[in-house]
């Protein structure tokens, strides 16, 4: 299926969920904020939120700083 992630097209397997996508992107285990089709997704829902062809995601990594 084709997703749009931060404005860029990306092909992934049809059974990909958010947890698997984060692994593909190299962000597994890192603090991130995910917005799926303009709706924020809680980290507790990452492994149960299936993705569909045409979904649009914004993936924001959280970095500490000062």
Protein backbone atom coordinates (compact mmCIF):
# COMPACT_ATOMS: atom_id res chain seq x y z
CA UNK A 1 0.00 0.00 0.00
CA UNK A 2 1.09 3.60 -0.48
CA UNK A 3 1.28 6.01 2.43
CA UNK A 4 2.21 9.66 2.61
CA UNK A 5 4.62 10.23 5.49
CA UNK A 6 5.61 13.82 6.25
CA UNK A 7 4.64 14.73 2.69
CA UNK A 8 6.62 11.92 1.01
CA UNK A 9 5.20 8.81 -0.64
CA UNK A 10 6.24 5.43 0.75
CA UNK A 11 5.24 1.87 -0.15
CA UNK A 12 4.77 -0.60 2.72
CA UNK A 13 3.24 -4.06 3.15
CA UNK A 14 -0.55 -4.21 3.36
CA UNK A 15 -0.59 -5.48 6.96
CA UNK A 16 1.61 -2.71 8.38
CA UNK A 17 0.56 -1.08 11.65
CA UNK A 18 2.11 2.01 13.23
CA UNK A 19 4.57 -0.01 15.37
CA UNK A 20 5.84 -1.83 12.27
CA UNK A 21 6.07 1.45 10.36
CA UNK A 22 8.20 3.01 13.10
CA UNK A 23 10.52 0.01 12.86
CA UNK A 24 10.75 0.47 9.07
CA UNK A 25 11.57 4.15 9.57
CA UNK A 26 14.24 3.38 12.18
CA UNK A 27 12.25 5.06 14.94
CA UNK A 28 11.26 2.03 17.03
CA UNK A 29 11.54 2.79 20.74
CA UNK A 30 12.10 6.50 20.19
CA UNK A 31 9.70 9.14 21.49
CA UNK A 32 7.46 10.23 18.63
CA UNK A 33 4.13 11.88 18.04
CA UNK A 34 2.01 10.36 15.27
CA UNK A 35 -0.83 12.04 13.46
CA UNK A 36 -2.87 9.76 11.18
CA UNK A 37 -5.19 11.53 8.76
CA UNK A 38 -5.14 14.64 10.98
CA UNK A 39 -5.91 12.68 14.18
CA UNK A 40 -3.33 12.21 16.94
CA UNK A 41 -2.70 8.57 17.86
CA UNK A 42 -1.76 7.58 21.41
CA UNK A 43 1.39 5.43 21.75
CA UNK A 44 -0.75 2.75 23.43
CA UNK A 45 -2.66 2.44 20.12
CA UNK A 46 0.36 2.11 17.81
CA UNK A 47 0.30 -1.70 17.63
CA UNK A 48 -3.46 -1.88 17.14
CA UNK A 49 -3.87 0.89 14.59
CA UNK A 50 -3.89 -0.61 11.11
CA UNK A 51 -2.87 1.56 8.21
CA UNK A 52 -4.75 1.74 4.91
CA UNK A 53 -3.76 2.60 1.37
CA UNK A 54 -3.71 6.38 0.95
CA UNK A 55 -3.31 7.20 4.65
CA UNK A 56 -1.44 10.40 5.48
CA UNK A 57 0.85 10.43 8.49
CA UNK A 58 2.89 13.07 10.22
CA UNK A 59 5.70 11.58 12.31
CA UNK A 60 7.37 14.00 14.70
CA UNK A 61 10.36 12.95 16.76
CA UNK A 62 10.67 14.44 20.23
CA UNK A 63 14.09 15.77 21.20
CA UNK A 64 15.11 17.23 24.52
CA UNK A 65 17.07 20.41 24.46
CA UNK A 66 17.80 23.51 26.33
